[in-house]
């Protein structure tokens, strides 16, 4: 089974656009209710992005999407006080 690369996954996510955002919300709700994303939802998502993958790559993409949605949930669940000022400068440390 050939896997999907991070670059391909990032391309699929980034090309989805506004319609993809709505579909991501739908998939997020699907994960909350059933615990997994259905292959049909993934195919719909791919249709919006204009990408096609082989059927054996759907499983890898499903795992990646579920992981990404879990990370989104962690970010949303994080409590940040409204009094916290935004960072005005970012420094990259190497």
PDB file of N, CA and C in Angstrom:
ATOM      1  N   UNK A   1       0.841  -1.180   0.000  1.00  0.00           N
ATOM      2  CA  UNK A   1       0.000   0.000   0.000  1.00  0.00           C
ATOM      3  C   UNK A   1       0.886   1.244   0.000  1.00  0.00           C
ATOM      4  N   UNK A   2       0.690   2.104  -0.953  1.00  0.00           N
ATOM      5  CA  UNK A   2       1.456   3.340  -1.046  1.00  0.00           C
ATOM      6  C   UNK A   2       0.829   4.393  -0.139  1.00  0.00           C
ATOM      7  N   UNK A   3       1.656   5.033   0.678  1.00  0.00           N
ATOM      8  CA  UNK A   3       1.159   6.053   1.599  1.00  0.00           C
ATOM      9  C   UNK A   3       1.081   7.416   0.932  1.00  0.00           C
ATOM     10  N   UNK A   4       0.428   8.322   1.622  1.00  0.00           N
ATOM     11  CA  UNK A   4       0.325   9.692   1.131  1.00  0.00           C
ATOM     12  C   UNK A   4       1.375  10.513   1.877  1.00  0.00           C
ATOM     13  N   UNK A   5       2.082  11.361   1.155  1.00  0.00           N
ATOM     14  CA  UNK A   5       3.145  12.143   1.780  1.00  0.00           C
ATOM     15  C   UNK A   5       2.565  13.347   2.519  1.00  0.00           C
ATOM     16  N   UNK A   6       3.365  13.913   3.397  1.00  0.00           N
ATOM     17  CA  UNK A   6       2.936  15.123   4.115  1.00  0.00           C
ATOM     18  C   UNK A   6       2.663  16.259   3.137  1.00  0.00           C
ATOM     19  N   UNK A   7       3.490  16.339   2.108  1.00  0.00           N
ATOM     20  CA  UNK A   7       3.328  17.393   1.122  1.00  0.00           C
ATOM     21  C   UNK A   7       1.993  17.255   0.386  1.00  0.00           C
ATOM     22  N   UNK A   8       1.638  16.033   0.001  1.00  0.00           N
ATOM     23  CA  UNK A   8       0.360  15.803  -0.662  1.00  0.00           C
ATOM     24  C   UNK A   8      -0.792  16.127   0.283  1.00  0.00           C
ATOM     25  N   UNK A   9      -0.662  15.715   1.545  1.00  0.00           N
ATOM     26  CA  UNK A   9      -1.706  16.003   2.518  1.00  0.00           C
ATOM     27  C   UNK A   9      -1.878  17.506   2.703  1.00  0.00           C
ATOM     28  N   UNK A  10      -0.770  18.237   2.818  1.00  0.00           N
ATOM     29  CA  UNK A  10      -0.834  19.690   2.968  1.00  0.00           C
ATOM     30  C   UNK A  10      -1.460  20.340   1.739  1.00  0.00           C
ATOM     31  N   UNK A  11      -1.156  19.822   0.558  1.00  0.00           N
ATOM     32  CA  UNK A  11      -1.739  20.361  -0.665  1.00  0.00           C
ATOM     33  C   UNK A  11      -3.246  20.132  -0.689  1.00  0.00           C
ATOM     34  N   UNK A  12      -3.671  18.958  -0.270  1.00  0.00           N
ATOM     35  CA  UNK A  12      -5.101  18.654  -0.238  1.00  0.00           C
ATOM     36  C   UNK A  12      -5.807  19.585   0.732  1.00  0.00           C
ATOM     37  N   UNK A  13      -5.242  19.765   1.915  1.00  0.00           N
ATOM     38  CA  UNK A  13      -5.852  20.629   2.929  1.00  0.00           C
ATOM     39  C   UNK A  13      -5.906  22.078   2.447  1.00  0.00           C
ATOM     40  N   UNK A  14      -4.810  22.572   1.864  1.00  0.00           N
ATOM     41  CA  UNK A  14      -4.747  23.984   1.491  1.00  0.00           C
ATOM     42  C   UNK A  14      -5.603  24.322   0.277  1.00  0.00           C
ATOM     43  N   UNK A  15      -5.835  23.380  -0.604  1.00  0.00           N
ATOM     44  CA  UNK A  15      -6.613  23.688  -1.799  1.00  0.00           C
ATOM     45  C   UNK A  15      -8.113  23.545  -1.583  1.00  0.00           C
ATOM     46  N   UNK A  16      -8.512  23.128  -0.412  1.00  0.00           N
ATOM     47  CA  UNK A  16      -9.936  22.908  -0.171  1.00  0.00           C
ATOM     48  C   UNK A  16     -10.741  24.205  -0.125  1.00  0.00           C
ATOM     49  N   UNK A  17     -10.144  25.287   0.378  1.00  0.00           N
ATOM     50  CA  UNK A  17     -10.829  26.578   0.391  1.00  0.00           C
ATOM     51  C   UNK A  17     -11.994  26.649   1.358  1.00  0.00           C
ATOM     52  N   UNK A  18     -12.905  27.558   1.080  1.00  0.00           N
ATOM     53  CA  UNK A  18     -14.053  27.796   1.958  1.00  0.00           C
ATOM     54  C   UNK A  18     -14.975  26.588   2.023  1.00  0.00           C
ATOM     55  N   UNK A  19     -15.212  25.966   0.888  1.00  0.00           N
ATOM     56  CA  UNK A  19     -16.062  24.775   0.885  1.00  0.00           C
ATOM     57  C   UNK A  19     -15.432  23.685   1.730  1.00  0.00           C
ATOM     58  N   UNK A  20     -14.134  23.610   1.687  1.00  0.00           N
ATOM     59  CA  UNK A  20     -13.428  22.627   2.501  1.00  0.00           C
ATOM     60  C   UNK A  20     -13.552  22.917   3.981  1.00  0.00           C
ATOM     61  N   UNK A  21     -13.607  24.203   4.338  1.00  0.00           N
ATOM     62  CA  UNK A  21     -13.768  24.568   5.743  1.00  0.00           C
ATOM     63  C   UNK A  21     -15.095  24.052   6.273  1.00  0.00           C
ATOM     64  N   UNK A  22     -16.141  24.222   5.491  1.00  0.00           N
ATOM     65  CA  UNK A  22     -17.452  23.701   5.894  1.00  0.00           C
ATOM     66  C   UNK A  22     -17.420  22.179   5.996  1.00  0.00           C
ATOM     67  N   UNK A  23     -16.727  21.551   5.064  1.00  0.00           N
ATOM     68  CA  UNK A  23     -16.628  20.096   5.100  1.00  0.00           C
ATOM     69  C   UNK A  23     -15.786  19.635   6.279  1.00  0.00           C
ATOM     70  N   UNK A  24     -14.746  20.383   6.630  1.00  0.00           N
ATOM     71  CA  UNK A  24     -13.942  20.042   7.800  1.00  0.00           C
ATOM     72  C   UNK A  24     -14.808  20.104   9.055  1.00  0.00           C
ATOM     73  N   UNK A  25     -15.669  21.108   9.144  1.00  0.00           N
ATOM     74  CA  UNK A  25     -16.581  21.201  10.281  1.00  0.00           C
ATOM     75  C   UNK A  25     -17.518  19.991  10.315  1.00  0.00           C
ATOM     76  N   UNK A  26     -17.981  19.567   9.152  1.00  0.00           N
ATOM     77  CA  UNK A  26     -18.839  18.389   9.071  1.00  0.00           C
ATOM     78  C   UNK A  26     -18.078  17.138   9.503  1.00  0.00           C
ATOM     79  N   UNK A  27     -16.838  17.008   9.036  1.00  0.00           N
ATOM     80  CA  UNK A  27     -16.026  15.853   9.429  1.00  0.00           C
ATOM     81  C   UNK A  27     -15.704  15.899  10.916  1.00  0.00           C
ATOM     82  N   UNK A  28     -15.491  17.097  11.451  1.00  0.00           N
ATOM     83  CA  UNK A  28     -15.230  17.251  12.882  1.00  0.00           C
ATOM     84  C   UNK A  28     -16.429  16.747  13.679  1.00  0.00           C
ATOM     85  N   UNK A  29     -17.632  17.113  13.242  1.00  0.00           N
ATOM     86  CA  UNK A  29     -18.850  16.631  13.906  1.00  0.00           C
ATOM     87  C   UNK A  29     -18.992  15.122  13.746  1.00  0.00           C
ATOM     88  N   UNK A  30     -18.621  14.613  12.577  1.00  0.00           N
ATOM     89  CA  UNK A  30     -18.690  13.170  12.324  1.00  0.00           C
ATOM     90  C   UNK A  30     -17.753  12.409  13.264  1.00  0.00           C
ATOM     91  N   UNK A  31     -16.559  12.942  13.488  1.00  0.00           N
ATOM     92  CA  UNK A  31     -15.617  12.305  14.405  1.00  0.00           C
ATOM     93  C   UNK A  31     -16.163  12.324  15.823  1.00  0.00           C
ATOM     94  N   UNK A  32     -16.805  13.424  16.207  1.00  0.00           N
ATOM     95  CA  UNK A  32     -17.355  13.518  17.555  1.00  0.00           C
ATOM     96  C   UNK A  32     -18.488  12.524  17.765  1.00  0.00           C
ATOM     97  N   UNK A  33     -19.307  12.298  16.743  1.00  0.00           N
ATOM     98  CA  UNK A  33     -20.451  11.406  16.925  1.00  0.00           C
ATOM     99  C   UNK A  33     -20.096   9.939  16.735  1.00  0.00           C
ATOM    100  N   UNK A  34     -19.322   9.627  15.685  1.00  0.00           N
ATOM    101  CA  UNK A  34     -19.045   8.220  15.397  1.00  0.00           C
ATOM    102  C   UNK A  34     -17.632   7.780  15.768  1.00  0.00           C
ATOM    103  N   UNK A  35     -16.725   8.714  15.998  1.00  0.00           N
ATOM    104  CA  UNK A  35     -15.364   8.371  16.362  1.00  0.00           C
ATOM    105  C   UNK A  35     -14.417   8.226  15.197  1.00  0.00           C
ATOM    106  N   UNK A  36     -14.909   8.346  13.964  1.00  0.00           N
ATOM    107  CA  UNK A  36     -14.044   8.201  12.784  1.00  0.00           C
ATOM    108  C   UNK A  36     -14.649   8.986  11.616  1.00  0.00           C
ATOM    109  N   UNK A  37     -13.828   9.222  10.616  1.00  0.00           N
ATOM    110  CA  UNK A  37     -14.281   9.885   9.391  1.00  0.00           C
ATOM    111  C   UNK A  37     -14.593   8.807   8.366  1.00  0.00           C
ATOM    112  N   UNK A  38     -15.729   8.926   7.724  1.00  0.00           N
ATOM    113  CA  UNK A  38     -16.111   7.919   6.733  1.00  0.00           C
ATOM    114  C   UNK A  38     -15.350   8.138   5.427  1.00  0.00           C
ATOM    115  N   UNK A  39     -15.108   7.076   4.676  1.00  0.00           N
ATOM    116  CA  UNK A  39     -14.463   7.219   3.367  1.00  0.00           C
ATOM    117  C   UNK A  39     -15.260   8.111   2.410  1.00  0.00           C
ATOM    118  N   UNK A  40     -16.582   8.149   2.560  1.00  0.00           N
ATOM    119  CA  UNK A  40     -17.410   9.016   1.712  1.00  0.00           C
ATOM    120  C   UNK A  40     -17.108  10.486   1.969  1.00  0.00           C
ATOM    121  N   UNK A  41     -16.915  10.844   3.233  1.00  0.00           N
ATOM    122  CA  UNK A  41     -16.563  12.230   3.570  1.00  0.00           C
ATOM    123  C   UNK A  41     -15.208  12.591   2.985  1.00  0.00           C
ATOM    124  N   UNK A  42     -14.282  11.655   3.035  1.00  0.00           N
ATOM    125  CA  UNK A  42     -12.955  11.907   2.477  1.00  0.00           C
ATOM    126  C   UNK A  42     -13.044  12.097   0.974  1.00  0.00           C
ATOM    127  N   UNK A  43     -13.833  11.278   0.299  1.00  0.00           N
ATOM    128  CA  UNK A  43     -13.998  11.431  -1.153  1.00  0.00           C
ATOM    129  C   UNK A  43     -14.655  12.774  -1.490  1.00  0.00           C
ATOM    130  N   UNK A  44     -15.619  13.221  -0.680  1.00  0.00           N
ATOM    131  CA  UNK A  44     -16.227  14.539  -0.893  1.00  0.00           C
ATOM    132  C   UNK A  44     -15.200  15.635  -0.731  1.00  0.00           C
ATOM    133  N   UNK A  45     -14.376  15.512   0.291  1.00  0.00           N
ATOM    134  CA  UNK A  45     -13.321  16.482   0.547  1.00  0.00           C
ATOM    135  C   UNK A  45     -12.356  16.535  -0.626  1.00  0.00           C
ATOM    136  N   UNK A  46     -11.978  15.374  -1.133  1.00  0.00           N
ATOM    137  CA  UNK A  46     -11.072  15.320  -2.279  1.00  0.00           C
ATOM    138  C   UNK A  46     -11.716  15.915  -3.518  1.00  0.00           C
ATOM    139  N   UNK A  47     -13.031  15.728  -3.665  1.00  0.00           N
ATOM    140  CA  UNK A  47     -13.741  16.319  -4.801  1.00  0.00           C
ATOM    141  C   UNK A  47     -13.687  17.836  -4.777  1.00  0.00           C
ATOM    142  N   UNK A  48     -13.810  18.438  -3.577  1.00  0.00           N
ATOM    143  CA  UNK A  48     -13.711  19.892  -3.461  1.00  0.00           C
ATOM    144  C   UNK A  48     -12.319  20.392  -3.803  1.00  0.00           C
ATOM    145  N   UNK A  49     -11.314  19.625  -3.410  1.00  0.00           N
ATOM    146  CA  UNK A  49      -9.948  20.076  -3.632  1.00  0.00           C
ATOM    147  C   UNK A  49      -9.435  19.751  -5.031  1.00  0.00           C
ATOM    148  N   UNK A  50     -10.183  18.943  -5.779  1.00  0.00           N
ATOM    149  CA  UNK A  50      -9.763  18.590  -7.127  1.00  0.00           C
ATOM    150  C   UNK A  50      -8.695  17.518  -7.170  1.00  0.00           C
ATOM    151  N   UNK A  51      -8.482  16.846  -6.060  1.00  0.00           N
ATOM    152  CA  UNK A  51      -7.465  15.805  -5.986  1.00  0.00           C
ATOM    153  C   UNK A  51      -8.113  14.429  -6.095  1.00  0.00           C
ATOM    154  N   UNK A  52      -7.364  13.510  -6.633  1.00  0.00           N
ATOM    155  CA  UNK A  52      -7.813  12.128  -6.696  1.00  0.00           C
ATOM    156  C   UNK A  52      -6.707  11.258  -6.145  1.00  0.00           C
ATOM    157  N   UNK A  53      -7.079  10.321  -5.307  1.00  0.00           N
ATOM    158  CA  UNK A  53      -6.128   9.358  -4.776  1.00  0.00           C
ATOM    159  C   UNK A  53      -6.686   7.968  -4.996  1.00  0.00           C
ATOM    160  N   UNK A  54      -5.807   7.009  -4.932  1.00  0.00           N
ATOM    161  CA  UNK A  54      -6.233   5.630  -5.093  1.00  0.00           C
ATOM    162  C   UNK A  54      -6.946   5.166  -3.826  1.00  0.00           C
ATOM    163  N   UNK A  55      -7.764   4.137  -3.985  1.00  0.00           N
ATOM    164  CA  UNK A  55      -8.540   3.638  -2.849  1.00  0.00           C
ATOM    165  C   UNK A  55      -7.662   3.164  -1.697  1.00  0.00           C
ATOM    166  N   UNK A  56      -6.496   2.633  -2.001  1.00  0.00           N
ATOM    167  CA  UNK A  56      -5.625   2.163  -0.919  1.00  0.00           C
ATOM    168  C   UNK A  56      -4.990   3.319  -0.147  1.00  0.00           C
ATOM    169  N   UNK A  57      -5.035   4.535  -0.677  1.00  0.00           N
ATOM    170  CA  UNK A  57      -4.493   5.694   0.025  1.00  0.00           C
ATOM    171  C   UNK A  57      -5.528   6.350   0.930  1.00  0.00           C
ATOM    172  N   UNK A  58      -6.789   5.988   0.791  1.00  0.00           N
ATOM    173  CA  UNK A  58      -7.856   6.578   1.605  1.00  0.00           C
ATOM    174  C   UNK A  58      -7.607   6.302   3.087  1.00  0.00           C
ATOM    175  N   UNK A  59      -7.143   5.106   3.422  1.00  0.00           N
ATOM    176  CA  UNK A  59      -6.915   4.750   4.825  1.00  0.00           C
ATOM    177  C   UNK A  59      -5.842   5.654   5.442  1.00  0.00           C
ATOM    178  N   UNK A  60      -4.759   5.875   4.723  1.00  0.00           N
ATOM    179  CA  UNK A  60      -3.713   6.762   5.224  1.00  0.00           C
ATOM    180  C   UNK A  60      -4.193   8.196   5.363  1.00  0.00           C
ATOM    181  N   UNK A  61      -4.969   8.644   4.399  1.00  0.00           N
ATOM    182  CA  UNK A  61      -5.524   9.989   4.456  1.00  0.00           C
ATOM    183  C   UNK A  61      -6.519  10.112   5.600  1.00  0.00           C
ATOM    184  N   UNK A  62      -7.284   9.064   5.824  1.00  0.00           N
ATOM    185  CA  UNK A  62      -8.250   9.056   6.923  1.00  0.00           C
ATOM    186  C   UNK A  62      -7.533   9.221   8.260  1.00  0.00           C
ATOM    187  N   UNK A  63      -6.445   8.509   8.445  1.00  0.00           N
ATOM    188  CA  UNK A  63      -5.656   8.623   9.677  1.00  0.00           C
ATOM    189  C   UNK A  63      -5.090  10.037   9.835  1.00  0.00           C
ATOM    190  N   UNK A  64      -4.575  10.598   8.751  1.00  0.00           N
ATOM    191  CA  UNK A  64      -4.012  11.954   8.805  1.00  0.00           C
ATOM    192  C   UNK A  64      -5.076  12.986   9.125  1.00  0.00           C
ATOM    193  N   UNK A  65      -6.240  12.863   8.513  1.00  0.00           N
ATOM    194  CA  UNK A  65      -7.330  13.813   8.780  1.00  0.00           C
ATOM    195  C   UNK A  65      -7.815  13.701  10.215  1.00  0.00           C
ATOM    196  N   UNK A  66      -7.940  12.490  10.719  1.00  0.00           N
ATOM    197  CA  UNK A  66      -8.385  12.324  12.103  1.00  0.00           C
ATOM    198  C   UNK A  66      -7.371  12.925  13.069  1.00  0.00           C
ATOM    199  N   UNK A  67      -6.092  12.783  12.774  1.00  0.00           N
ATOM    200  CA  UNK A  67      -5.047  13.378  13.611  1.00  0.00           C
ATOM    201  C   UNK A  67      -5.124  14.911  13.538  1.00  0.00           C
ATOM    202  N   UNK A  68      -5.315  15.446  12.339  1.00  0.00           N
ATOM    203  CA  UNK A  68      -5.418  16.901  12.186  1.00  0.00           C
ATOM    204  C   UNK A  68      -6.643  17.442  12.920  1.00  0.00           C
ATOM    205  N   UNK A  69      -7.763  16.742  12.828  1.00  0.00           N
ATOM    206  CA  UNK A  69      -8.973  17.183  13.529  1.00  0.00           C
ATOM    207  C   UNK A  69      -8.796  17.108  15.037  1.00  0.00           C
ATOM    208  N   UNK A  70      -8.058  16.118  15.512  1.00  0.00           N
ATOM    209  CA  UNK A  70      -7.767  16.024  16.939  1.00  0.00           C
ATOM    210  C   UNK A  70      -6.931  17.216  17.391  1.00  0.00           C
ATOM    211  N   UNK A  71      -5.965  17.619  16.572  1.00  0.00           N
ATOM    212  CA  UNK A  71      -5.143  18.793  16.900  1.00  0.00           C
ATOM    213  C   UNK A  71      -5.972  20.069  16.885  1.00  0.00           C
ATOM    214  N   UNK A  72      -6.907  20.185  15.949  1.00  0.00           N
ATOM    215  CA  UNK A  72      -7.800  21.351  15.914  1.00  0.00           C
ATOM    216  C   UNK A  72      -8.635  21.396  17.183  1.00  0.00           C
ATOM    217  N   UNK A  73      -9.132  20.243  17.609  1.00  0.00           N
ATOM    218  CA  UNK A  73      -9.935  20.177  18.835  1.00  0.00           C
ATOM    219  C   UNK A  73      -9.119  20.631  20.045  1.00  0.00           C
ATOM    220  N   UNK A  74      -7.852  20.209  20.114  1.00  0.00           N
ATOM    221  CA  UNK A  74      -6.996  20.636  21.223  1.00  0.00           C
ATOM    222  C   UNK A  74      -6.820  22.146  21.244  1.00  0.00           C
ATOM    223  N   UNK A  75      -6.658  22.744  20.073  1.00  0.00           N
ATOM    224  CA  UNK A  75      -6.505  24.195  19.989  1.00  0.00           C
ATOM    225  C   UNK A  75      -7.787  24.889  20.418  1.00  0.00           C
ATOM    226  N   UNK A  76      -8.928  24.387  19.953  1.00  0.00           N
ATOM    227  CA  UNK A  76     -10.210  24.995  20.315  1.00  0.00           C
ATOM    228  C   UNK A  76     -10.508  24.860  21.799  1.00  0.00           C
ATOM    229  N   UNK A  77     -10.100  23.769  22.404  1.00  0.00           N
ATOM    230  CA  UNK A  77     -10.378  23.541  23.820  1.00  0.00           C
ATOM    231  C   UNK A  77      -9.467  24.348  24.738  1.00  0.00           C
ATOM    232  N   UNK A  78      -8.429  24.903  24.193  1.00  0.00           N
ATOM    233  CA  UNK A  78      -7.480  25.661  25.001  1.00  0.00           C
ATOM    234  C   UNK A  78      -8.103  26.975  25.457  1.00  0.00           C
ATOM    235  N   UNK A  79      -7.923  27.291  26.694  1.00  0.00           N
ATOM    236  CA  UNK A  79      -8.490  28.505  27.263  1.00  0.00           C
ATOM    237  C   UNK A  79      -7.419  29.599  27.298  1.00  0.00           C
ATOM    238  N   UNK A  80      -7.643  30.649  26.539  1.00  0.00           N
ATOM    239  CA  UNK A  80      -6.726  31.783  26.503  1.00  0.00           C
ATOM    240  C   UNK A  80      -7.490  32.996  27.025  1.00  0.00           C
ATOM    241  N   UNK A  81      -6.983  33.644  28.070  1.00  0.00           N
ATOM    242  CA  UNK A  81      -7.695  34.798  28.625  1.00  0.00           C
ATOM    243  C   UNK A  81      -7.738  35.957  27.621  1.00  0.00           C
ATOM    244  N   UNK A  82      -8.831  36.688  27.653  1.00  0.00           N
ATOM    245  CA  UNK A  82      -8.986  37.826  26.745  1.00  0.00           C
ATOM    246  C   UNK A  82      -8.004  38.949  27.055  1.00  0.00           C
ATOM    247  N   UNK A  83      -7.485  38.969  28.255  1.00  0.00           N
ATOM    248  CA  UNK A  83      -6.544  40.018  28.637  1.00  0.00           C
ATOM    249  C   UNK A  83      -5.126  39.735  28.135  1.00  0.00           C
ATOM    250  N   UNK A  84      -4.885  38.562  27.587  1.00  0.00           N
ATOM    251  CA  UNK A  84      -3.561  38.211  27.080  1.00  0.00           C
ATOM    252  C   UNK A  84      -3.258  39.003  25.814  1.00  0.00           C
ATOM    253  N   UNK A  85      -2.139  39.726  25.844  1.00  0.00           N
ATOM    254  CA  UNK A  85      -1.764  40.521  24.681  1.00  0.00           C
ATOM    255  C   UNK A  85      -1.151  39.645  23.607  1.00  0.00           C
ATOM    256  N   UNK A  86      -1.385  39.975  22.346  1.00  0.00           N
ATOM    257  CA  UNK A  86      -0.777  39.183  21.270  1.00  0.00           C
ATOM    258  C   UNK A  86       0.727  39.430  21.192  1.00  0.00           C
ATOM    259  N   UNK A  87       1.428  38.465  20.680  1.00  0.00           N
ATOM    260  CA  UNK A  87       2.877  38.611  20.510  1.00  0.00           C
ATOM    261  C   UNK A  87       3.138  39.618  19.400  1.00  0.00           C
ATOM    262  N   UNK A  88       4.021  40.559  19.647  1.00  0.00           N
ATOM    263  CA  UNK A  88       4.316  41.576  18.633  1.00  0.00           C
ATOM    264  C   UNK A  88       5.561  41.226  17.833  1.00  0.00           C
ATOM    265  N   UNK A  89       6.354  40.306  18.347  1.00  0.00           N
ATOM    266  CA  UNK A  89       7.562  39.913  17.633  1.00  0.00           C
ATOM    267  C   UNK A  89       7.791  38.423  17.866  1.00  0.00           C
ATOM    268  N   UNK A  90       8.146  37.760  16.795  1.00  0.00           N
ATOM    269  CA  UNK A  90       8.470  36.336  16.877  1.00  0.00           C
ATOM    270  C   UNK A  90       9.933  36.160  16.563  1.00  0.00           C
ATOM    271  N   UNK A  91      10.616  35.417  17.393  1.00  0.00           N
ATOM    272  CA  UNK A  91      12.029  35.132  17.150  1.00  0.00           C
ATOM    273  C   UNK A  91      12.198  33.647  16.915  1.00  0.00           C
ATOM    274  N   UNK A  92      12.899  33.334  15.872  1.00  0.00           N
ATOM    275  CA  UNK A  92      13.204  31.952  15.584  1.00  0.00           C
ATOM    276  C   UNK A  92      14.535  31.621  16.229  1.00  0.00           C
ATOM    277  N   UNK A  93      14.528  30.651  17.075  1.00  0.00           N
ATOM    278  CA  UNK A  93      15.762  30.248  17.760  1.00  0.00           C
ATOM    279  C   UNK A  93      16.231  28.937  17.167  1.00  0.00           C
ATOM    280  N   UNK A  94      17.489  28.910  16.818  1.00  0.00           N
ATOM    281  CA  UNK A  94      18.047  27.698  16.219  1.00  0.00           C
ATOM    282  C   UNK A  94      19.148  27.154  17.051  1.00  0.00           C
TER     283      UNK A  94
END
